């Protein structure tokens, strides 16, 4: 257990000031980028759009993308990613593997500091990981600890062991040892997600649920939280205590919450935004012609799908596999991606994004059919089910794109199958609560990989996964995903799980994401080749025009 007596002494006030002074000037203070030689702008700020207000900045409570973009700036885990998504040092300078590939030992750098000057130690990670596993924390990503396979994580989350028995320890301040129940070769990649970031125990304990508020939060990333106005904006500023502060060029980052896509585009055109994502549906081709240096479409490791409520709270007809298949078959995915979105997305007939590292796309039978053939099968299946007039409630979070997709799909269902669909939209935080409590028949969902390996998608289809909002359950899928954890090459297992999911129509895949956005042409350092879209403001910079 974390013990204050084992921590190094806090920096004296004078020493802390000296550290801050040494890091006060960013790398580009002289006006030239130290590595590329590009002339830098005097304005080193970056402003981007958020579709929704993030619910939390607590690493152990985060469960969504918008919050993770901020958390990745103000906190730092053991490892980071580079512009191509490869692992690079964070708080840890490296790691070794032993014990038959079940023990990972991370070496932490000795110059990592919290924003108040305290040293970042291995004990901070132990505390944070135990906190994530503790049922009292009620982490919505507690299941992530199970997936890591850390010793005793499953039992702790179930309330059968105390958090102190989690298989993570700090032999000393600079050494973090992690014991796994079985070898997991991609475990280091999993440490790049927020759940496994450290937190500052004295701050958490002093302020409770308000510990992430501006003026209270103590963090260890390249930036600190300066201001936060709910549903309007937040700002984060360069952290002089960050171990690599001298290389950070962007001095201030502002996130503006703008729910309306078209209003966001107007504000981008007015120069109020440097980055706009997502774009209004259907606008990418025109914007690419209008702004060829700013409009971008690259693959993104996310899949857009409709979750089906398999539980008792859903429409009983959805428990008939023929109805589920009919609904999926009737969706013309080519229309969605080519006529509605027009942003380089790909029709999806399976869950795992096709750009996932090492993933081999299985043969999915209905993907080989023409749309006319799918429609014919859909009508036949619906007739065989004996379901009369079917009315479904489809929920989605507020977004013009989600609305358009839902509207088009509901029309397809009505025209082809006679299904009536009630569309209901909610702001993000409310939508998450409604979806998590299964108050829907169909729910707009999107899953972005927490790490670049197929299990980040397919584990979601297991019975006990925390993000399995539709409560799909198949014992064979559960068994296969358990086997995948110890398989030398799990690719065949993943293919089989995809085929079972398609046969069951566990979910309704709709499209694989493209990251479609606008980026001001004077902002450089964007990681276009990082398919997880994990960008770090510390790697960005603005050049002089």
Protein backbone atom coordinates (compact mmCIF):
# COMPACT_ATOMS: atom_id res chain seq x y z
CA UNK A 1 0.00 0.00 0.00
CA UNK A 2 1.11 3.54 -0.79
CA UNK A 3 2.92 5.08 2.16
CA UNK A 4 3.93 8.71 2.45
CA UNK A 5 6.95 7.71 4.48
CA UNK A 6 8.47 6.02 1.45
CA UNK A 7 8.21 9.04 -0.85
CA UNK A 8 11.20 11.30 -1.47
CA UNK A 9 11.06 14.66 0.25
CA UNK A 10 8.98 17.28 -1.52
CA UNK A 11 10.96 19.91 -3.41
CA UNK A 12 11.74 22.90 -1.30
CA UNK A 13 10.07 26.10 -2.42
CA UNK A 14 13.34 27.45 -3.81
CA UNK A 15 14.15 24.25 -5.69
CA UNK A 16 10.67 24.14 -7.18
CA UNK A 17 11.04 27.72 -8.40
CA UNK A 18 14.40 26.90 -9.98
CA UNK A 19 12.90 23.91 -11.82
CA UNK A 20 10.04 26.06 -13.06
CA UNK A 21 12.43 28.80 -14.22
CA UNK A 22 14.56 26.31 -16.10
CA UNK A 23 11.52 25.07 -17.98
CA UNK A 24 9.84 28.45 -18.37
CA UNK A 25 10.85 29.03 -21.98
CA UNK A 26 9.50 26.60 -24.55
CA UNK A 27 11.75 25.04 -27.16
CA UNK A 28 10.67 27.54 -29.78
CA UNK A 29 11.29 30.66 -27.72
CA UNK A 30 14.03 31.75 -30.12
CA UNK A 31 11.50 31.76 -32.99
CA UNK A 32 12.74 28.62 -34.76
CA UNK A 33 11.73 25.01 -34.26
CA UNK A 34 14.75 23.29 -32.68
CA UNK A 35 14.47 20.18 -34.87
CA UNK A 36 12.88 21.21 -38.17
CA UNK A 37 14.27 24.74 -38.42
CA UNK A 38 10.83 26.13 -39.31
CA UNK A 39 10.12 29.70 -38.28
CA UNK A 40 7.60 29.69 -35.45
CA UNK A 41 4.65 31.98 -34.94
CA UNK A 42 4.60 34.31 -31.95
CA UNK A 43 1.13 32.89 -31.27
CA UNK A 44 1.65 29.42 -29.82
CA UNK A 45 -1.97 28.58 -28.99
CA UNK A 46 -4.21 25.78 -30.24
CA UNK A 47 -8.03 25.86 -30.21
CA UNK A 48 -10.20 22.90 -31.11
CA UNK A 49 -13.86 21.91 -31.11
CA UNK A 50 -15.53 19.42 -28.76
CA UNK A 51 -18.88 18.03 -29.86
CA UNK A 52 -19.94 17.45 -26.24
CA UNK A 53 -18.86 18.37 -22.73
CA UNK A 54 -16.68 15.61 -21.29
CA UNK A 55 -18.25 14.17 -18.10
CA UNK A 56 -15.01 13.92 -16.11
CA UNK A 57 -11.25 14.53 -16.05
CA UNK A 58 -10.65 11.82 -13.47
CA UNK A 59 -8.49 9.21 -15.25
CA UNK A 60 -10.08 6.34 -13.35
CA UNK A 61 -13.63 7.54 -14.13
CA UNK A 62 -13.20 8.41 -17.79
CA UNK A 63 -14.94 6.26 -20.40
CA UNK A 64 -15.10 8.39 -23.55
CA UNK A 65 -12.97 10.05 -26.21
CA UNK A 66 -13.47 13.79 -25.53
CA UNK A 67 -12.32 13.48 -21.95
CA UNK A 68 -9.39 11.29 -22.94
CA UNK A 69 -8.08 13.96 -25.33
CA UNK A 70 -7.84 16.33 -22.36
CA UNK A 71 -6.62 13.77 -19.83
CA UNK A 72 -3.82 12.77 -22.22
CA UNK A 73 -2.53 16.35 -22.05
CA UNK A 74 -2.81 17.00 -18.33
CA UNK A 75 -1.75 13.54 -17.11
CA UNK A 76 0.90 11.13 -18.34
CA UNK A 77 1.04 7.35 -18.03
CA UNK A 78 3.92 4.93 -18.21
CA UNK A 79 4.10 5.07 -22.00
CA UNK A 80 2.95 7.41 -24.76
CA UNK A 81 2.52 7.03 -28.51
CA UNK A 82 4.40 8.69 -31.34
CA UNK A 83 2.96 10.06 -34.58
CA UNK A 84 2.59 6.54 -35.99
CA UNK A 85 1.05 5.06 -32.84
CA UNK A 86 4.24 3.32 -31.71
CA UNK A 87 5.05 3.15 -28.01
CA UNK A 88 7.50 5.73 -26.66
CA UNK A 89 8.59 6.55 -23.09
CA UNK A 90 6.30 8.52 -20.80
CA UNK A 91 6.87 8.49 -17.07
CA UNK A 92 8.61 5.17 -17.68
CA UNK A 93 11.87 5.11 -19.60
CA UNK A 94 11.48 1.41 -20.39
CA UNK A 95 10.47 -2.02 -19.10
CA UNK A 96 11.60 -5.62 -18.88
CA UNK A 97 9.59 -8.85 -19.00
CA UNK A 98 10.21 -11.93 -16.85
CA UNK A 99 8.43 -14.79 -15.09
CA UNK A 100 7.43 -16.50 -18.30
CA UNK A 101 6.23 -13.20 -19.74
CA UNK A 102 3.85 -12.62 -16.83
CA UNK A 103 5.83 -9.97 -14.94
CA UNK A 104 6.46 -6.51 -16.36
CA UNK A 105 8.91 -4.26 -14.54
CA UNK A 106 8.84 -0.58 -15.52
CA UNK A 107 11.67 1.82 -14.73
CA UNK A 108 10.43 5.35 -13.99
CA UNK A 109 12.39 8.50 -14.80
CA UNK A 110 13.77 10.42 -11.84
CA UNK A 111 12.76 13.88 -13.13
CA UNK A 112 8.98 13.34 -13.44
CA UNK A 113 7.08 15.85 -11.29
CA UNK A 114 3.54 16.63 -10.32
CA UNK A 115 2.41 20.16 -11.12
CA UNK A 116 2.91 21.16 -7.47
CA UNK A 117 6.54 19.99 -7.50
CA UNK A 118 6.09 16.59 -5.84
CA UNK A 119 8.01 13.76 -7.53
CA UNK A 120 5.99 11.22 -9.50
CA UNK A 121 6.78 7.78 -8.13
CA UNK A 122 5.79 4.17 -8.65
CA UNK A 123 3.59 4.47 -5.56
CA UNK A 124 1.38 6.93 -7.44
CA UNK A 125 0.68 4.28 -10.07
CA UNK A 126 0.00 1.63 -7.43
CA UNK A 127 -2.50 3.94 -5.73
CA UNK A 128 -4.25 4.83 -9.02
CA UNK A 129 -4.52 1.25 -10.25
CA UNK A 130 -5.86 0.02 -6.91
CA UNK A 131 -8.32 2.90 -7.02
CA UNK A 132 -9.50 1.83 -10.49
CA UNK A 133 -10.04 -1.74 -9.27
CA UNK A 134 -11.76 -0.75 -6.03
CA UNK A 135 -15.56 -1.29 -6.30
CA UNK A 136 -16.00 1.81 -4.13
CA UNK A 137 -14.63 3.94 -6.96
CA UNK A 138 -17.30 2.57 -9.33
CA UNK A 139 -15.05 3.10 -12.32
CA UNK A 140 -17.03 2.69 -15.56
CA UNK A 141 -13.79 1.31 -16.98
CA UNK A 142 -13.21 -1.16 -14.16
CA UNK A 143 -13.58 -3.93 -16.75
CA UNK A 144 -10.37 -2.61 -18.34
CA UNK A 145 -8.45 -3.86 -15.32
CA UNK A 146 -9.92 -7.32 -15.93
CA UNK A 147 -8.75 -7.27 -19.53
CA UNK A 148 -5.19 -6.49 -18.50
CA UNK A 149 -5.10 -9.77 -16.62
CA UNK A 150 -3.39 -8.19 -13.61
CA UNK A 151 -3.33 -10.67 -10.76
CA UNK A 152 -6.48 -10.49 -8.60
CA UNK A 153 -8.09 -7.67 -10.63
CA UNK A 154 -11.21 -9.71 -11.37
CA UNK A 155 -11.70 -10.75 -7.74
CA UNK A 156 -11.14 -7.22 -6.42
CA UNK A 157 -13.68 -5.74 -8.83
CA UNK A 158 -16.16 -8.39 -7.70
CA UNK A 159 -15.60 -7.37 -4.10
CA UNK A 160 -13.99 -10.67 -3.13
CA UNK A 161 -10.49 -9.33 -2.38
CA UNK A 162 -9.18 -6.00 -1.05
CA UNK A 163 -7.58 -3.56 -3.54
CA UNK A 164 -4.24 -3.97 -1.73
CA UNK A 165 -3.98 -7.45 -3.24
CA UNK A 166 -3.89 -6.17 -6.84
CA UNK A 167 -0.83 -7.55 -8.62
CA UNK A 168 1.02 -4.25 -8.82
CA UNK A 169 3.77 -3.11 -6.47
CA UNK A 170 6.49 -0.49 -6.01
CA UNK A 171 9.72 -2.11 -4.76
CA UNK A 172 11.11 1.43 -4.74
CA UNK A 173 10.16 4.88 -5.99
CA UNK A 174 11.48 4.27 -9.52
CA UNK A 175 10.31 0.69 -10.04
CA UNK A 176 6.79 -0.47 -10.84
CA UNK A 177 6.21 -4.23 -10.96
CA UNK A 178 3.09 -5.70 -12.55
CA UNK A 179 2.15 -9.36 -12.29
CA UNK A 180 -0.24 -10.86 -14.83
CA UNK A 181 -2.25 -14.05 -14.53
CA UNK A 182 -1.13 -15.11 -18.02
CA UNK A 183 1.20 -13.71 -20.69
CA UNK A 184 -0.30 -10.74 -22.53
CA UNK A 185 2.05 -9.41 -25.20
CA UNK A 186 0.12 -6.18 -25.77
CA UNK A 187 -0.06 -5.22 -22.08
CA UNK A 188 2.41 -2.29 -22.48
CA UNK A 189 0.12 -0.78 -25.13
CA UNK A 190 -2.77 -0.92 -22.67
CA UNK A 191 -0.90 1.42 -20.29
CA UNK A 192 -1.41 4.31 -22.71
CA UNK A 193 -5.10 4.54 -21.74
CA UNK A 194 -6.36 6.89 -18.99
CA UNK A 195 -7.47 4.17 -16.57
CA UNK A 196 -3.82 3.28 -15.92
CA UNK A 197 -2.59 6.85 -15.49
CA UNK A 198 -1.31 7.91 -12.05
CA UNK A 199 -3.15 10.34 -9.78
CA UNK A 200 -1.91 12.48 -6.89
CA UNK A 201 -3.22 10.79 -3.76
CA UNK A 202 -3.06 13.80 -1.37
CA UNK A 203 -5.15 15.86 -3.83
CA UNK A 204 -7.74 13.12 -4.34
CA UNK A 205 -8.11 12.61 -0.61
CA UNK A 206 -8.18 16.34 0.20
CA UNK A 207 -10.89 17.30 -2.30
CA UNK A 208 -12.90 14.14 -2.97
CA UNK A 209 -15.12 14.30 -6.04
CA UNK A 210 -13.99 17.89 -6.75
CA UNK A 211 -10.29 17.09 -6.99
CA UNK A 212 -10.15 17.69 -10.77
CA UNK A 213 -11.57 21.24 -10.54
CA UNK A 214 -9.39 24.16 -11.68
CA UNK A 215 -7.33 25.45 -8.78
CA UNK A 216 -7.47 22.07 -7.02
CA UNK A 217 -6.21 19.58 -9.56
CA UNK A 218 -2.59 18.41 -9.39
CA UNK A 219 -1.47 16.57 -12.54
CA UNK A 220 1.72 15.35 -14.16
CA UNK A 221 1.24 15.99 -17.88
CA UNK A 222 2.63 18.57 -20.24
CA UNK A 223 -0.29 20.89 -19.45
CA UNK A 224 -2.35 21.88 -16.44
CA UNK A 225 -6.05 22.69 -16.32
CA UNK A 226 -6.52 26.46 -16.13
CA UNK A 227 -10.26 27.11 -16.57
CA UNK A 228 -13.40 25.07 -17.09
CA UNK A 229 -16.86 26.45 -17.88
CA UNK A 230 -19.29 23.57 -18.31
CA UNK A 231 -20.81 23.20 -21.78
CA UNK A 232 -18.81 26.21 -23.01
CA UNK A 233 -15.04 25.86 -22.90
CA UNK A 234 -11.94 24.87 -20.98
CA UNK A 235 -8.29 25.92 -21.19
CA UNK A 236 -5.10 24.10 -20.37
CA UNK A 237 -1.71 25.78 -20.15
CA UNK A 238 1.88 24.61 -20.40
CA UNK A 239 3.12 22.93 -17.21
CA UNK A 240 6.60 24.19 -16.22
CA UNK A 241 7.03 21.20 -13.90
CA UNK A 242 6.66 18.67 -16.71
CA UNK A 243 9.87 16.67 -17.16
CA UNK A 244 10.09 17.57 -20.87
CA UNK A 245 8.67 21.11 -20.61
CA UNK A 246 11.62 22.58 -22.49
CA UNK A 247 10.48 20.81 -25.67
CA UNK A 248 6.81 21.85 -25.41
CA UNK A 249 6.02 24.67 -27.84
CA UNK A 250 2.22 25.16 -27.72
CA UNK A 251 1.66 27.29 -24.62
CA UNK A 252 -2.14 27.22 -24.33
CA UNK A 253 -4.87 24.85 -25.54
CA UNK A 254 -8.55 25.80 -25.62
CA UNK A 255 -11.43 23.39 -26.16
CA UNK A 256 -14.76 24.93 -27.23
CA UNK A 257 -17.96 22.91 -26.78
CA UNK A 258 -20.01 23.37 -29.96
CA UNK A 259 -22.87 20.90 -30.44
CA UNK A 260 -23.94 22.13 -33.87
CA UNK A 261 -21.72 20.95 -36.75
CA UNK A 262 -22.61 23.81 -39.07
CA UNK A 263 -22.04 26.44 -36.38
CA UNK A 264 -18.66 24.83 -35.70
CA UNK A 265 -17.75 25.07 -39.39
CA UNK A 266 -18.74 28.73 -39.44
CA UNK A 267 -16.48 29.42 -36.46
CA UNK A 268 -13.62 27.53 -38.10
CA UNK A 269 -14.00 29.67 -41.22
CA UNK A 270 -13.93 32.76 -38.98
CA UNK A 271 -10.58 31.67 -37.55
CA UNK A 272 -11.91 30.83 -34.07
CA UNK A 273 -10.85 27.18 -34.36
CA UNK A 274 -7.62 25.54 -35.48
CA UNK A 275 -9.10 22.04 -35.56
CA UNK A 276 -12.63 20.89 -36.38
CA UNK A 277 -13.84 17.34 -35.93
CA UNK A 278 -16.22 15.92 -36.95
CA UNK A 279 -17.22 17.75 -40.11
CA UNK A 280 -20.86 18.33 -41.04
CA UNK A 281 -22.07 15.16 -42.81
CA UNK A 282 -21.57 15.22 -46.57
CA UNK A 283 -19.34 18.30 -46.52
CA UNK A 284 -15.91 16.69 -46.85
CA UNK A 285 -15.69 16.53 -50.69
CA UNK A 286 -16.57 20.23 -51.01
CA UNK A 287 -14.23 21.26 -48.19
CA UNK A 288 -11.39 19.21 -49.71
CA UNK A 289 -11.74 21.19 -52.94
CA UNK A 290 -12.11 24.46 -51.08
CA UNK A 291 -9.31 23.87 -48.55
CA UNK A 292 -7.06 21.08 -49.91
CA UNK A 293 -4.29 21.74 -47.38
CA UNK A 294 -6.67 21.69 -44.40
CA UNK A 295 -9.30 19.01 -45.09
CA UNK A 296 -8.09 15.56 -44.07
CA UNK A 297 -9.50 12.04 -44.14
CA UNK A 298 -7.44 9.17 -42.71
CA UNK A 299 -8.43 5.80 -41.18
CA UNK A 300 -9.40 5.90 -37.51
CA UNK A 301 -9.56 2.86 -35.24
CA UNK A 302 -13.27 3.19 -34.45
CA UNK A 303 -16.39 1.37 -35.57
CA UNK A 304 -19.89 2.90 -35.74
CA UNK A 305 -22.68 0.50 -34.88
CA UNK A 306 -26.14 0.20 -33.41
CA UNK A 307 -26.33 -1.63 -30.10
CA UNK A 308 -29.34 -3.92 -29.82
CA UNK A 309 -30.98 -4.26 -26.42
CA UNK A 310 -30.95 -8.03 -25.81
CA UNK A 311 -32.20 -7.62 -22.24
CA UNK A 312 -35.75 -7.79 -20.90
CA UNK A 313 -36.11 -4.02 -21.06
CA UNK A 314 -35.85 -4.06 -24.85
CA UNK A 315 -38.58 -4.82 -27.35
CA UNK A 316 -39.25 -8.59 -27.10
CA UNK A 317 -39.07 -8.91 -30.88
CA UNK A 318 -35.34 -8.10 -30.71
CA UNK A 319 -34.70 -11.38 -28.92
CA UNK A 320 -35.60 -13.14 -32.19
CA UNK A 321 -32.41 -13.45 -34.24
CA UNK A 322 -34.45 -13.28 -37.46
CA UNK A 323 -35.62 -9.79 -36.56
CA UNK A 324 -32.10 -8.66 -35.70
CA UNK A 325 -30.76 -10.00 -38.97
CA UNK A 326 -33.56 -8.40 -40.93
CA UNK A 327 -32.86 -4.99 -39.43
CA UNK A 328 -29.17 -5.24 -40.28
CA UNK A 329 -29.67 -6.59 -43.79
CA UNK A 330 -32.09 -3.78 -44.65
CA UNK A 331 -29.45 -1.09 -44.00
CA UNK A 332 -27.78 0.05 -47.20
CA UNK A 333 -24.36 0.93 -45.83
CA UNK A 334 -23.12 2.24 -49.17
CA UNK A 335 -25.79 4.92 -49.05
CA UNK A 336 -24.70 5.89 -45.52
CA UNK A 337 -21.01 6.29 -46.32
CA UNK A 338 -21.19 7.55 -49.92
CA UNK A 339 -24.32 9.71 -49.95
CA UNK A 340 -24.77 10.84 -46.35
CA UNK A 341 -21.32 11.04 -44.74
CA UNK A 342 -19.01 11.32 -47.78
CA UNK A 343 -15.92 11.43 -45.60
CA UNK A 344 -13.98 8.35 -46.62
CA UNK A 345 -15.72 5.96 -44.19
CA UNK A 346 -16.02 2.25 -45.08
CA UNK A 347 -19.18 0.09 -44.94
CA UNK A 348 -18.96 -2.31 -42.00
CA UNK A 349 -20.30 -5.85 -41.79
CA UNK A 350 -18.12 -6.82 -38.83
CA UNK A 351 -17.06 -5.07 -35.61
CA UNK A 352 -13.25 -4.86 -35.65
CA UNK A 353 -11.90 -2.00 -37.74
CA UNK A 354 -10.06 -3.37 -40.76
CA UNK A 355 -6.95 -1.27 -39.97
CA UNK A 356 -6.46 -2.96 -36.59
CA UNK A 357 -2.90 -4.26 -36.30
CA UNK A 358 -2.61 -7.96 -37.16
CA UNK A 359 -6.33 -8.38 -37.84
CA UNK A 360 -7.36 -10.64 -40.72
CA UNK A 361 -10.82 -9.84 -42.02
CA UNK A 362 -12.99 -13.00 -41.92
CA UNK A 363 -15.55 -13.94 -44.56
CA UNK A 364 -18.87 -12.47 -43.43
CA UNK A 365 -21.56 -14.08 -45.55
CA UNK A 366 -23.98 -11.17 -45.86
CA UNK A 367 -21.20 -8.78 -46.86
CA UNK A 368 -20.88 -10.69 -50.17
CA UNK A 369 -24.50 -10.13 -51.17
CA UNK A 370 -25.85 -7.30 -53.27
CA UNK A 371 -28.11 -4.87 -51.46
CA UNK A 372 -31.09 -6.19 -53.42
CA UNK A 373 -30.27 -9.69 -52.15
CA UNK A 374 -29.95 -8.41 -48.58
CA UNK A 375 -33.28 -6.63 -48.83
CA UNK A 376 -34.96 -9.79 -50.10
CA UNK A 377 -33.54 -11.85 -47.23
CA UNK A 378 -34.56 -9.16 -44.74
CA UNK A 379 -38.19 -9.23 -45.86
CA UNK A 380 -38.23 -13.03 -45.78
CA UNK A 381 -36.76 -13.19 -42.26
CA UNK A 382 -39.18 -10.59 -40.93
CA UNK A 383 -42.11 -12.50 -42.39
CA UNK A 384 -40.85 -15.77 -40.91
CA UNK A 385 -40.55 -14.16 -37.48
CA UNK A 386 -44.29 -13.57 -37.34
CA UNK A 387 -43.77 -10.12 -35.88
CA UNK A 388 -46.56 -7.79 -36.85
CA UNK A 389 -46.20 -4.03 -36.63
CA UNK A 390 -42.86 -3.38 -35.00
CA UNK A 391 -42.10 -0.08 -33.27
CA UNK A 392 -38.58 0.60 -31.98
CA UNK A 393 -37.01 3.38 -29.92
CA UNK A 394 -33.64 4.46 -31.29
CA UNK A 395 -31.54 6.77 -29.13
CA UNK A 396 -28.50 8.83 -30.13
CA UNK A 397 -26.42 11.65 -28.68
CA UNK A 398 -27.01 15.10 -30.13
CA UNK A 399 -25.19 15.48 -33.44
CA UNK A 400 -26.31 16.38 -36.95
CA UNK A 401 -24.40 13.39 -38.30
CA UNK A 402 -26.02 10.91 -35.89
CA UNK A 403 -29.40 12.43 -36.65
CA UNK A 404 -28.98 12.08 -40.41
CA UNK A 405 -27.77 8.49 -40.17
CA UNK A 406 -30.64 7.57 -37.83
CA UNK A 407 -33.19 9.27 -40.07
CA UNK A 408 -31.98 7.48 -43.20
CA UNK A 409 -31.83 4.08 -41.49
CA UNK A 410 -35.29 4.50 -39.97
CA UNK A 411 -36.63 5.27 -43.45
CA UNK A 412 -34.98 2.12 -44.83
CA UNK A 413 -36.57 0.05 -42.08
CA UNK A 414 -39.99 1.58 -42.72
CA UNK A 415 -39.89 1.21 -46.50
CA UNK A 416 -38.47 -2.31 -46.58
CA UNK A 417 -39.80 -3.88 -43.38
CA UNK A 418 -42.67 -1.69 -42.22
CA UNK A 419 -40.84 -0.92 -38.98
CA UNK A 420 -41.74 2.34 -37.24
CA UNK A 421 -38.88 4.02 -35.39
CA UNK A 422 -39.05 6.66 -32.68
CA UNK A 423 -35.86 8.77 -32.75
CA UNK A 424 -34.73 10.30 -29.44
CA UNK A 425 -31.61 12.40 -28.98
CA UNK A 426 -29.93 13.42 -25.72
CA UNK A 427 -26.91 15.44 -24.70
CA UNK A 428 -23.83 13.28 -24.14
CA UNK A 429 -23.85 12.79 -20.36
CA UNK A 430 -27.58 11.98 -20.27
CA UNK A 431 -27.27 9.70 -23.28
CA UNK A 432 -24.51 7.69 -21.56
CA UNK A 433 -26.70 7.15 -18.50
CA UNK A 434 -29.77 6.15 -20.53
CA UNK A 435 -27.77 3.76 -22.68
CA UNK A 436 -25.96 2.22 -19.69
CA UNK A 437 -29.31 1.47 -18.02
CA UNK A 438 -30.74 -0.21 -21.17
CA UNK A 439 -33.54 2.32 -21.62
CA UNK A 440 -33.62 1.81 -25.39
CA UNK A 441 -34.35 -0.70 -28.11
CA UNK A 442 -31.56 0.44 -30.45
CA UNK A 443 -28.72 2.76 -29.41
CA UNK A 444 -26.29 4.67 -31.59
CA UNK A 445 -22.84 3.54 -30.51
CA UNK A 446 -19.26 4.00 -31.58
CA UNK A 447 -16.28 2.11 -30.22
CA UNK A 448 -12.72 3.39 -30.54
CA UNK A 449 -9.85 1.07 -29.76
CA UNK A 450 -8.19 1.63 -26.38
CA UNK A 451 -5.13 -0.07 -27.88
CA UNK A 452 -4.31 -1.37 -31.35
CA UNK A 453 -5.29 -5.06 -31.17
CA UNK A 454 -8.53 -6.79 -32.14
CA UNK A 455 -9.46 -7.74 -28.58
CA UNK A 456 -10.16 -4.07 -27.84
CA UNK A 457 -13.27 -4.51 -30.01
CA UNK A 458 -14.20 -8.15 -29.55
CA UNK A 459 -13.94 -8.25 -25.77
CA UNK A 460 -16.89 -5.88 -25.76
CA UNK A 461 -19.06 -8.75 -27.03
CA UNK A 462 -18.39 -10.85 -23.93
CA UNK A 463 -21.12 -11.22 -21.33
CA UNK A 464 -19.48 -9.33 -18.47
CA UNK A 465 -17.80 -6.51 -20.39
CA UNK A 466 -18.67 -3.14 -18.87
CA UNK A 467 -19.33 -1.53 -22.25
CA UNK A 468 -21.60 -4.32 -23.47
CA UNK A 469 -24.59 -1.97 -23.21
CA UNK A 470 -26.91 -4.25 -25.19
CA UNK A 471 -26.25 -7.17 -22.80
CA UNK A 472 -25.47 -9.58 -25.60
CA UNK A 473 -24.39 -12.96 -24.24
CA UNK A 474 -23.01 -16.00 -26.01
CA UNK A 475 -21.11 -18.67 -24.05
CA UNK A 476 -19.04 -19.63 -27.11
CA UNK A 477 -17.88 -16.04 -27.60
CA UNK A 478 -16.95 -15.83 -23.92
CA UNK A 479 -14.96 -19.06 -24.16
CA UNK A 480 -13.15 -18.03 -27.35
CA UNK A 481 -12.16 -14.64 -25.98
CA UNK A 482 -10.81 -16.30 -22.84
CA UNK A 483 -8.72 -18.61 -25.02
CA UNK A 484 -7.46 -15.68 -27.09
CA UNK A 485 -5.61 -14.29 -24.07
CA UNK A 486 -3.14 -17.16 -24.01
CA UNK A 487 -3.10 -18.11 -27.71
CA UNK A 488 0.22 -17.64 -29.53
CA UNK A 489 -1.70 -16.38 -32.56
CA UNK A 490 -5.30 -15.39 -31.72
CA UNK A 491 -6.17 -14.22 -35.24
CA UNK A 492 -8.15 -17.38 -36.04
CA UNK A 493 -10.08 -17.02 -32.78
CA UNK A 494 -10.92 -13.42 -33.59
CA UNK A 495 -12.20 -14.42 -37.03
CA UNK A 496 -14.46 -17.05 -35.47
CA UNK A 497 -15.85 -14.57 -32.94
CA UNK A 498 -16.65 -12.15 -35.77
CA UNK A 499 -18.51 -14.89 -37.65
CA UNK A 500 -20.53 -15.85 -34.57
CA UNK A 501 -21.38 -12.20 -33.90
CA UNK A 502 -22.56 -11.82 -37.50
CA UNK A 503 -24.66 -14.99 -37.28
CA UNK A 504 -26.21 -13.83 -34.00
CA UNK A 505 -26.34 -10.22 -35.16
CA UNK A 506 -25.03 -9.31 -31.72
CA UNK A 507 -24.76 -5.71 -32.86
CA UNK A 508 -25.49 -3.94 -36.13
CA UNK A 509 -22.19 -2.75 -37.65
CA UNK A 510 -22.70 0.26 -39.91
CA UNK A 511 -19.34 1.76 -40.86
CA UNK A 512 -15.67 1.86 -39.99
CA UNK A 513 -14.51 5.36 -39.17
CA UNK A 514 -12.32 7.67 -41.10
CA UNK A 515 -10.88 10.56 -39.14
CA UNK A 516 -12.31 13.43 -41.16
CA UNK A 517 -11.36 16.91 -39.99
CA UNK A 518 -10.12 20.40 -40.76
CA UNK A 519 -6.74 21.53 -39.44
CA UNK A 520 -5.35 25.02 -39.87
CA UNK A 521 -2.38 24.83 -42.23
CA UNK A 522 -0.08 26.65 -39.80
CA UNK A 523 -0.49 23.93 -37.14
CA UNK A 524 2.22 21.30 -37.54
CA UNK A 525 3.09 18.04 -35.79
CA UNK A 526 -0.30 16.37 -36.20
CA UNK A 527 -0.06 12.52 -36.00
CA UNK A 528 -1.92 11.68 -39.22
CA UNK A 529 -0.68 8.07 -39.14
CA UNK A 530 -1.82 7.35 -35.58
CA UNK A 531 -4.96 5.31 -36.30
CA UNK A 532 -6.08 5.66 -32.68
CA UNK A 533 -6.19 9.46 -33.13
CA UNK A 534 -4.12 9.91 -29.98
CA UNK A 535 -2.75 13.41 -30.43
CA UNK A 536 -0.66 15.17 -27.81
CA UNK A 537 -0.62 18.97 -27.76
CA UNK A 538 3.01 18.87 -26.60
CA UNK A 539 3.97 17.63 -30.08
CA UNK A 540 2.15 20.41 -31.95
CA UNK A 541 3.47 23.82 -32.96
CA UNK A 542 2.34 26.81 -35.01
CA UNK A 543 4.56 28.10 -37.81
CA UNK A 544 4.75 31.71 -38.93
CA UNK A 545 2.69 32.47 -42.01
